[in-house]
C-alpha atoms as a PDB file:
ATOM      1  CA  MET A   1       0.004   0.219   0.218  1.00  0.00           C
ATOM      2  CA  LEU A   2       1.168   3.495  -0.863  1.00  0.00           C
ATOM      3  CA  ALA A   3       0.507   6.686   0.215  1.00  0.00           C
ATOM      4  CA  VAL A   4       1.184  10.706  -1.283  1.00  0.00           C
ATOM      5  CA  ILE A   5       2.520  13.188   1.059  1.00  0.00           C
ATOM      6  CA  SER A   6       2.296  16.623  -0.407  1.00  0.00           C
ATOM      7  CA  VAL A   7       4.500  19.204   1.404  1.00  0.00           C
ATOM      8  CA  THR A   8       3.958  23.004   1.206  1.00  0.00           C
ATOM      9  CA  GLY A   9       5.535  26.360   2.572  1.00  0.00           C
ATOM     10  CA  LYS A  10       7.858  28.813   2.988  1.00  0.00           C
ATOM     11  CA  ASP A  11      11.640  27.020   1.935  1.00  0.00           C
ATOM     12  CA  CYS A  12      14.076  26.858   4.734  1.00  0.00           C
ATOM     13  CA  VAL A  13      16.677  24.217   5.176  1.00  0.00           C
ATOM     14  CA  GLY A  14      15.926  21.105   6.610  1.00  0.00           C
ATOM     15  CA  ILE A  15      12.356  20.273   5.286  1.00  0.00           C
ATOM     16  CA  ILE A  16      12.928  17.512   3.422  1.00  0.00           C
ATOM     17  CA  ALA A  17      15.143  15.808   6.682  1.00  0.00           C
ATOM     18  CA  ASP A  18      12.575  16.270   9.121  1.00  0.00           C
ATOM     19  CA  VAL A  19       9.480  14.555   6.922  1.00  0.00           C
ATOM     20  CA  SER A  20      11.893  12.220   6.284  1.00  0.00           C
ATOM     21  CA  VAL A  21      12.657  11.320   9.954  1.00  0.00           C
ATOM     22  CA  LYS A  22       8.998  11.518  11.092  1.00  0.00           C
ATOM     23  CA  CYS A  23       8.164   8.740   7.847  1.00  0.00           C
ATOM     24  CA  ARG A  24      11.193   6.564   9.250  1.00  0.00           C
ATOM     25  CA  GLU A  25       9.894   7.129  12.704  1.00  0.00           C
ATOM     26  CA  HIS A  26       6.601   5.348  11.655  1.00  0.00           C
ATOM     27  CA  GLU A  27       8.264   2.983   9.354  1.00  0.00           C
ATOM     28  CA  ALA A  28       7.181   4.503   6.250  1.00  0.00           C
ATOM     29  CA  ASN A  29       9.508   3.707   3.196  1.00  0.00           C
ATOM     30  CA  ILE A  30       9.654   6.668   1.022  1.00  0.00           C
ATOM     31  CA  ILE A  31       9.577   5.033  -2.620  1.00  0.00           C
ATOM     32  CA  ASP A  32       9.507   8.516  -4.495  1.00  0.00           C
ATOM     33  CA  ILE A  33      10.095  12.571  -4.078  1.00  0.00           C
ATOM     34  CA  SER A  34       9.972  15.598  -5.821  1.00  0.00           C
ATOM     35  CA  GLN A  35      10.346  18.970  -4.763  1.00  0.00           C
ATOM     36  CA  THR A  36      10.856  22.240  -6.252  1.00  0.00           C
ATOM     37  CA  VAL A  37      11.406  25.701  -4.837  1.00  0.00           C
ATOM     38  CA  LEU A  38      10.170  28.295  -6.741  1.00  0.00           C
ATOM     39  CA  GLN A  39      11.029  31.771  -5.305  1.00  0.00           C
ATOM     40  CA  ASP A  40      11.007  31.681  -1.743  1.00  0.00           C
ATOM     41  CA  PHE A  41       7.795  28.619  -1.839  1.00  0.00           C
ATOM     42  CA  PHE A  42       8.839  24.557  -1.470  1.00  0.00           C
ATOM     43  CA  CYS A  43       6.336  22.457  -2.952  1.00  0.00           C
ATOM     44  CA  MET A  44       7.034  18.417  -2.430  1.00  0.00           C
ATOM     45  CA  ILE A  45       5.359  15.231  -2.985  1.00  0.00           C
ATOM     46  CA  MET A  46       6.402  11.828  -2.017  1.00  0.00           C
ATOM     47  CA  LEU A  47       5.312   8.536  -2.574  1.00  0.00           C
ATOM     48  CA  VAL A  48       5.846   6.360   0.474  1.00  0.00           C
ATOM     49  CA  GLN A  49       5.049   2.808   1.133  1.00  0.00           C
ATOM     50  CA  ILE A  50       3.043   2.440   4.229  1.00  0.00           C
ATOM     51  CA  ASP A  51       2.504  -1.377   4.440  1.00  0.00           C
ATOM     52  CA  LYS A  52       4.828  -1.608   7.940  1.00  0.00           C
ATOM     53  CA  LEU A  53       3.332   1.505   9.512  1.00  0.00           C
ATOM     54  CA  ASN A  54       3.872   1.101  13.563  1.00  0.00           C
ATOM     55  CA  VAL A  55       0.620   2.960  14.027  1.00  0.00           C
ATOM     56  CA  PRO A  56      -2.916   3.099  12.528  1.00  0.00           C
ATOM     57  CA  PHE A  57      -2.566   5.455   9.163  1.00  0.00           C
ATOM     58  CA  GLY A  58      -4.717   7.572  10.382  1.00  0.00           C
ATOM     59  CA  ASP A  59      -2.226   8.228  13.521  1.00  0.00           C
ATOM     60  CA  PHE A  60       0.505   8.788  10.868  1.00  0.00           C
ATOM     61  CA  ILE A  61      -1.945  11.732   9.288  1.00  0.00           C
ATOM     62  CA  ASP A  62      -2.071  13.421  12.021  1.00  0.00           C
ATOM     63  CA  ALA A  63       2.013  12.720  13.219  1.00  0.00           C
ATOM     64  CA  MET A  64       2.439  14.544   9.181  1.00  0.00           C
ATOM     65  CA  GLU A  65      -0.060  17.217  10.196  1.00  0.00           C
ATOM     66  CA  LYS A  66       1.383  18.077  13.498  1.00  0.00           C
ATOM     67  CA  LEU A  67       4.653  18.038  11.925  1.00  0.00           C
ATOM     68  CA  GLY A  68       3.577  20.454   9.256  1.00  0.00           C
ATOM     69  CA  LYS A  69       2.068  22.504  11.844  1.00  0.00           C
ATOM     70  CA  GLU A  70       5.386  23.038  14.223  1.00  0.00           C
ATOM     71  CA  LYS A  71       7.324  23.611  10.931  1.00  0.00           C
ATOM     72  CA  GLY A  72       4.858  25.904   9.568  1.00  0.00           C
ATOM     73  CA  LEU A  73       3.838  23.680   6.962  1.00  0.00           C
ATOM     74  CA  SER A  74       1.291  22.307   4.695  1.00  0.00           C
ATOM     75  CA  ILE A  75       1.621  18.478   4.990  1.00  0.00           C
ATOM     76  CA  HIS A  76      -1.391  16.519   3.306  1.00  0.00           C
ATOM     77  CA  THR A  77      -1.435  12.638   3.832  1.00  0.00           C
ATOM     78  CA  MET A  78      -3.821  10.659   1.065  1.00  0.00           C
ATOM     79  CA  HIS A  79      -4.198   7.037   0.957  1.00  0.00           C
ATOM     80  CA  GLU A  80      -3.446   5.942  -2.706  1.00  0.00           C
ATOM     81  CA  ASP A  81      -6.616   4.355  -2.949  1.00  0.00           C
ATOM     82  CA  VAL A  82      -8.491   7.907  -2.318  1.00  0.00           C
ATOM     83  CA  PHE A  83      -5.669   9.627  -4.503  1.00  0.00           C
ATOM     84  CA  ASN A  84      -6.795   7.453  -7.431  1.00  0.00           C
ATOM     85  CA  SER A  85     -10.517   7.570  -6.837  1.00  0.00           C
ATOM     86  CA  MET A  86     -10.044  11.574  -6.890  1.00  0.00           C
ATOM     87  CA  HIS A  87      -8.028  11.295 -10.139  1.00  0.00           C
ATOM     88  CA  LYS A  88     -10.048   8.476 -12.073  1.00  0.00           C
ATOM     89  CA  ILE A  89     -12.439   9.702 -14.959  1.00  0.00           C
END
């Protein structure tokens, strides 16, 4: 099972590291990552494997959102099934 994590906010040092550490804490394996900086605006999308999470998926979502609030970022985590359903014609 996979999840899509999107991260946006003002660019600063350590965003990728902070999100990666939080994924590691919950045993979410990063499969792919794309990031860019537009002027001072940071945007990242991560695809993570969630088969071996050590917490329920809802708790993982909450932990990522909490990290975002602490760092002044917007972090949204979505299960691949929801993502695929949203983008299905």
